[in-house]
Each structure stands twice: as C-alpha cells, then as structure tokens.
Amino acid sequence: MSGKGDTYRHVDQKKWDENYDRAFRKPVKTFVRPEGHHCTASSGIHDGITFGTGELDDYGYWERPCWECARAWEEQYPEDGPAWPFAQEYLECPDAFLKKLREKADARG
C-alpha cells in the first residue's frame, strides 16, 4: 500500500469486469450486485474471488468484507467455487458446500 490515499477506489462495472477477466484469464462475466452494494472484487491468495470495501491487503482480502456480494457471486457463478468472505456453511463442512455449488453449476449446463 502506498499510504498516499489511493489504496482503494470505486471502479465502475465495465472496469470491474475487465479487471476480473485480466486477473483470471476467463471470459468477462457480468456480476449483478445486490441492490445498494458498491463493493469491489479482487483475487485472494486462495485462488478465488474476494468482495468488500476499504483497504485491500497484500493477500487480496478487504478491510470490510461483503458477505452479500460473495453469496450473490456464488449464486450467479457456482462453477467458480466459494467466494470470500466464506459462508459459514463452507467453513463448517467444505465438501458439502462444494458439492452443492457443483450441483448448481451442473444444473445450469
């Protein structure tokens, strides 16, 4: 972090999609955020996507995590696996949670 007040900033949807594409080298995906949320996404050291606001640490995790955006991402893109901050269900039983996400992805084709 530079400490110059530029450690985070709001990025519009188009720029967010471009950054996601560049980070994960996948086709651009359109993410519909929950109403009233202006969170940002990043990639964490767990090789997954993270959601939140505030400062982003060196490992890709947010000062103020957003559970609602993470759950919305999992609902829209279950094939990508769990998003951080992780659901309590994932923390308690990762295999069952991942199985549920795989089933959702398979049902969508």
C-alpha atoms as a PDB file:
ATOM      1  CA  MET A   1       0.000   0.000   0.000  1.00  0.00           C
ATOM      2  CA  SER A   2       1.329   3.374  -0.927  1.00  0.00           C
ATOM      3  CA  GLY A   3      -0.157   5.268   2.010  1.00  0.00           C
ATOM      4  CA  LYS A   4      -0.946   8.206  -0.292  1.00  0.00           C
ATOM      5  CA  GLY A   5      -4.721   7.878  -0.002  1.00  0.00           C
ATOM      6  CA  ASP A   6      -5.038   5.856  -3.213  1.00  0.00           C
ATOM      7  CA  THR A   7      -5.227   2.409  -1.622  1.00  0.00           C
ATOM      8  CA  TYR A   8      -8.750   1.842  -2.921  1.00  0.00           C
ATOM      9  CA  ARG A   9     -11.227   3.475  -5.223  1.00  0.00           C
ATOM     10  CA  HIS A  10     -14.603   2.771  -6.748  1.00  0.00           C
ATOM     11  CA  VAL A  11     -14.369   1.070 -10.134  1.00  0.00           C
ATOM     12  CA  ASP A  12     -17.335   1.131 -12.490  1.00  0.00           C
ATOM     13  CA  GLN A  13     -18.914  -2.151 -13.657  1.00  0.00           C
ATOM     14  CA  LYS A  14     -17.155  -2.207 -17.044  1.00  0.00           C
ATOM     15  CA  LYS A  15     -13.733  -1.677 -15.481  1.00  0.00           C
ATOM     16  CA  TRP A  16     -14.514  -4.266 -12.792  1.00  0.00           C
ATOM     17  CA  ASP A  17     -15.351  -6.844 -15.498  1.00  0.00           C
ATOM     18  CA  GLU A  18     -12.143  -6.045 -17.384  1.00  0.00           C
ATOM     19  CA  ASN A  19     -10.061  -6.411 -14.217  1.00  0.00           C
ATOM     20  CA  TYR A  20     -11.709  -9.722 -13.373  1.00  0.00           C
ATOM     21  CA  ASP A  21     -11.037 -11.004 -16.897  1.00  0.00           C
ATOM     22  CA  ARG A  22      -7.407  -9.965 -16.720  1.00  0.00           C
ATOM     23  CA  ALA A  23      -6.925 -11.490 -13.256  1.00  0.00           C
ATOM     24  CA  PHE A  24      -8.491 -14.867 -14.002  1.00  0.00           C
ATOM     25  CA  ARG A  25      -7.974 -15.064 -17.798  1.00  0.00           C
ATOM     26  CA  LYS A  26     -11.573 -16.093 -18.330  1.00  0.00           C
ATOM     27  CA  PRO A  27     -14.277 -14.539 -20.488  1.00  0.00           C
ATOM     28  CA  VAL A  28     -15.735 -11.376 -18.971  1.00  0.00           C
ATOM     29  CA  LYS A  29     -18.655 -12.122 -16.673  1.00  0.00           C
ATOM     30  CA  THR A  30     -21.391  -9.709 -15.738  1.00  0.00           C
ATOM     31  CA  PHE A  31     -22.000  -9.618 -11.993  1.00  0.00           C
ATOM     32  CA  VAL A  32     -25.282  -8.241 -10.727  1.00  0.00           C
ATOM     33  CA  ARG A  33     -24.533  -6.890  -7.256  1.00  0.00           C
ATOM     34  CA  PRO A  34     -27.182  -6.933  -4.543  1.00  0.00           C
ATOM     35  CA  GLU A  35     -29.180  -3.705  -4.507  1.00  0.00           C
ATOM     36  CA  GLY A  36     -27.380  -0.865  -2.751  1.00  0.00           C
ATOM     37  CA  HIS A  37     -23.961  -2.552  -2.766  1.00  0.00           C
ATOM     38  CA  HIS A  38     -20.919  -0.832  -4.234  1.00  0.00           C
ATOM     39  CA  CYS A  39     -18.335  -3.426  -3.294  1.00  0.00           C
ATOM     40  CA  THR A  40     -15.227  -4.202  -5.235  1.00  0.00           C
ATOM     41  CA  ALA A  41     -13.789  -7.580  -6.157  1.00  0.00           C
ATOM     42  CA  SER A  42     -10.247  -8.855  -6.097  1.00  0.00           C
ATOM     43  CA  SER A  43      -8.468 -12.178  -6.191  1.00  0.00           C
ATOM     44  CA  GLY A  44      -7.260 -13.651  -2.915  1.00  0.00           C
ATOM     45  CA  ILE A  45      -4.334 -15.936  -2.279  1.00  0.00           C
ATOM     46  CA  HIS A  46      -6.840 -18.803  -2.076  1.00  0.00           C
ATOM     47  CA  ASP A  47      -7.129 -18.542  -5.909  1.00  0.00           C
ATOM     48  CA  GLY A  48     -10.670 -17.273  -5.642  1.00  0.00           C
ATOM     49  CA  ILE A  49     -12.567 -14.011  -5.753  1.00  0.00           C
ATOM     50  CA  THR A  50     -12.996 -11.706  -2.752  1.00  0.00           C
ATOM     51  CA  PHE A  51     -15.593  -8.975  -2.143  1.00  0.00           C
ATOM     52  CA  GLY A  52     -15.564  -5.930   0.079  1.00  0.00           C
ATOM     53  CA  THR A  53     -14.656  -2.290   0.556  1.00  0.00           C
ATOM     54  CA  GLY A  54     -11.917  -0.320   2.270  1.00  0.00           C
ATOM     55  CA  GLU A  55      -8.256  -1.181   2.054  1.00  0.00           C
ATOM     56  CA  LEU A  56      -7.137  -4.291   0.241  1.00  0.00           C
ATOM     57  CA  ASP A  57      -4.330  -6.160   1.981  1.00  0.00           C
ATOM     58  CA  ASP A  58      -1.345  -7.738   0.270  1.00  0.00           C
ATOM     59  CA  TYR A  59      -3.156 -11.089   0.150  1.00  0.00           C
ATOM     60  CA  GLY A  60      -6.269  -9.816  -1.675  1.00  0.00           C
ATOM     61  CA  TYR A  61      -8.644  -9.527   1.307  1.00  0.00           C
ATOM     62  CA  TRP A  62     -10.772  -6.496   2.135  1.00  0.00           C
ATOM     63  CA  GLU A  63     -10.859  -4.335   5.261  1.00  0.00           C
ATOM     64  CA  ARG A  64     -14.683  -4.559   5.241  1.00  0.00           C
ATOM     65  CA  PRO A  65     -15.773  -7.896   3.713  1.00  0.00           C
ATOM     66  CA  CYS A  66     -19.137  -8.171   1.959  1.00  0.00           C
ATOM     67  CA  TRP A  67     -20.964 -11.428   2.620  1.00  0.00           C
ATOM     68  CA  GLU A  68     -23.954 -10.422   0.476  1.00  0.00           C
ATOM     69  CA  CYS A  69     -21.866  -9.899  -2.680  1.00  0.00           C
ATOM     70  CA  ALA A  70     -19.930 -13.116  -2.080  1.00  0.00           C
ATOM     71  CA  ARG A  71     -23.176 -15.120  -1.791  1.00  0.00           C
ATOM     72  CA  ALA A  72     -24.613 -13.374  -4.874  1.00  0.00           C
ATOM     73  CA  TRP A  73     -21.468 -14.319  -6.849  1.00  0.00           C
ATOM     74  CA  GLU A  74     -21.787 -17.968  -5.767  1.00  0.00           C
ATOM     75  CA  GLU A  75     -25.424 -17.940  -6.830  1.00  0.00           C
ATOM     76  CA  GLN A  76     -24.640 -16.420 -10.237  1.00  0.00           C
ATOM     77  CA  TYR A  77     -21.409 -18.362 -10.890  1.00  0.00           C
ATOM     78  CA  PRO A  78     -21.399 -21.572  -8.815  1.00  0.00           C
ATOM     79  CA  GLU A  79     -18.810 -23.106 -11.147  1.00  0.00           C
ATOM     80  CA  ASP A  80     -16.215 -20.669  -9.737  1.00  0.00           C
ATOM     81  CA  GLY A  81     -16.391 -22.195  -6.271  1.00  0.00           C
ATOM     82  CA  PRO A  82     -16.660 -20.342  -2.977  1.00  0.00           C
ATOM     83  CA  ALA A  83     -16.120 -16.591  -2.785  1.00  0.00           C
ATOM     84  CA  TRP A  84     -14.588 -14.800   0.205  1.00  0.00           C
ATOM     85  CA  PRO A  85     -15.785 -13.959   2.772  1.00  0.00           C
ATOM     86  CA  PHE A  86     -16.684 -17.614   3.014  1.00  0.00           C
ATOM     87  CA  ALA A  87     -20.149 -18.753   4.026  1.00  0.00           C
ATOM     88  CA  GLN A  88     -20.422 -20.313   7.476  1.00  0.00           C
ATOM     89  CA  GLU A  89     -21.759 -23.411   5.735  1.00  0.00           C
ATOM     90  CA  TYR A  90     -18.472 -23.687   3.787  1.00  0.00           C
ATOM     91  CA  LEU A  91     -16.383 -23.237   6.927  1.00  0.00           C
ATOM     92  CA  GLU A  92     -18.337 -25.920   8.791  1.00  0.00           C
ATOM     93  CA  CYS A  93     -18.459 -28.512   6.006  1.00  0.00           C
ATOM     94  CA  PRO A  94     -16.439 -27.600   2.887  1.00  0.00           C
ATOM     95  CA  ASP A  95     -17.167 -30.845   0.996  1.00  0.00           C
ATOM     96  CA  ALA A  96     -20.953 -30.484   1.282  1.00  0.00           C
ATOM     97  CA  PHE A  97     -20.814 -26.818   0.286  1.00  0.00           C
ATOM     98  CA  LEU A  98     -18.625 -27.518  -2.756  1.00  0.00           C
ATOM     99  CA  LYS A  99     -20.927 -30.392  -3.746  1.00  0.00           C
ATOM    100  CA  LYS A 100     -23.913 -28.008  -3.615  1.00  0.00           C
ATOM    101  CA  LEU A 101     -22.086 -25.481  -5.831  1.00  0.00           C
ATOM    102  CA  ARG A 102     -21.130 -28.220  -8.326  1.00  0.00           C
ATOM    103  CA  GLU A 103     -24.748 -29.393  -8.490  1.00  0.00           C
ATOM    104  CA  LYS A 104     -25.927 -25.844  -9.212  1.00  0.00           C
ATOM    105  CA  ALA A 105     -23.305 -25.465 -11.944  1.00  0.00           C
ATOM    106  CA  ASP A 106     -24.230 -28.836 -13.487  1.00  0.00           C
ATOM    107  CA  ALA A 107     -27.938 -27.945 -13.446  1.00  0.00           C
ATOM    108  CA  ARG A 108     -27.193 -24.817 -15.477  1.00  0.00           C
ATOM    109  CA  GLY A 109     -25.396 -26.844 -18.109  1.00  0.00           C
END
